[in-house]
Amino acid sequence: MDPSTALFNQLKAAEPFFLLAGPNVIESEEHIMRMAKHIKSISTKVGLPLVFKSSFDKANRTSSKSFRGPGMVEGLKILEKVKIAYDIPIVTDVHETVQCEEVGKVADIIQIPAFLCRQTDLLVAAAKTGKIINIKKGQFCASSVMVNSAEKVRLAGNPNVMRVSIFCWTGVTISLWLVDDLIVDPRNLEWMREANCPVVADVTHSLQQPAGKKLDGGGVASGGLRELIPCIARTAIAVGVDGVFMEVHDDPLNAPVDGPTQWPLRNLEELLEELVAIAEKLMLKKLKFRLNVPTPYVFMLRFLKAAQSDTKLEHLAFYLIELSLVQYEALKFKPSLLCASAIYVARCTLQMRYTSYIRC
């Protein structure tokens, strides 16, 4: 199995979801290495597979005076160092067809920017690298458009890409700019599945606002509502997504690009833990597993204490109750009755003297 297929299968099978995270743009090698180290540590602690993201060139800035990054050659060198040093896959974006081959030598996932999601030549060139292709949904596109974009990659003639499939990004999940604001429609998270691709929710760009900040040297930069990132993230997890994308920075207020929509590194662990808890709660609800219902284990501890048990009795009683858990017929009995019965049988088996403590 080739590495792209293996990574795709790993991310697709991730529970409760996988994470694409990192600074919006490469500011320096030192900064990227430090961010990668902290983000990997947090994602590992929370238990989420991580793909590290950062851009070497922000070619679609609002203003020509905005910071763009180190460029492709230097940027790819830095991303390769991150990949080797911390053993994490990399995702970065391309803007021109001539970039795809070189980017494919370093990146594990090639990202197609939202404003270029319909560019056939770019999609085909990215597909021919054999890497996983992550297509951001354009703000101006209906969800149905992403089916066509995904199909362009599948028909590009590369069996690896066809087999690996495509990542279809929710992007900002809506195609309307309304009164200088972006309206996020979570219905797109469901509609995007028509492309037969894993769906990733971009919970940071979803809160971007156009030309909301004037630059000191002239020009303008996009604004954003960073404080609402948890709200959008909770919504995405509740609806159900395969992955979550968020741009993270250790000092968003002073970030050179998209500071208003980058999540503070110091708050990342707390937010991810909350999202994981929401996802796990939904799983339990789907399985009809109620955590507030006492299990046999609770009653077993109480009854063993009342029975003044020794180690032999405890081991045998727990063994018997575990046997009952795999018997469908045992479901009709209350946990308390099963535990009392297990202790009674264990005492009889060990020829221990019967007491009234365990009488049902």
Foldseek 3Di string as FASTA:
>chain_A
DDPQLVVLVVLQPDPPAAEEEEAAADPDLVQRLVGLVLVVVLCVVLVHAYAYEHEQADPDFQDPPFDTHPDDPVVLVSLQCSCVVVVHAYEYEDDDLVSQQVSLVRHQEYEYDQVCLQPLSNLLSNLVSLHAYEYAHHLQDDLVVNLVSQVSSLPSPDVSCVSSGYEYECHLVHNDQDPQFADHDLVSQVSNCVSVHFYEYELQNVFKGPQPAADPVGDGGIAGAQVCSLVSLLSDLLVGGRYYYAYEHCCLVPDSHSSRRHHHSVCVSVSSNVSSVSNVVVVCVVVVNDPPADALVVLLVVLCVLVVHDPQLSVQLVVQLVVLVPDPVSVVDDSNVSSLVSSVVSCVVVVHDDDPSSPD
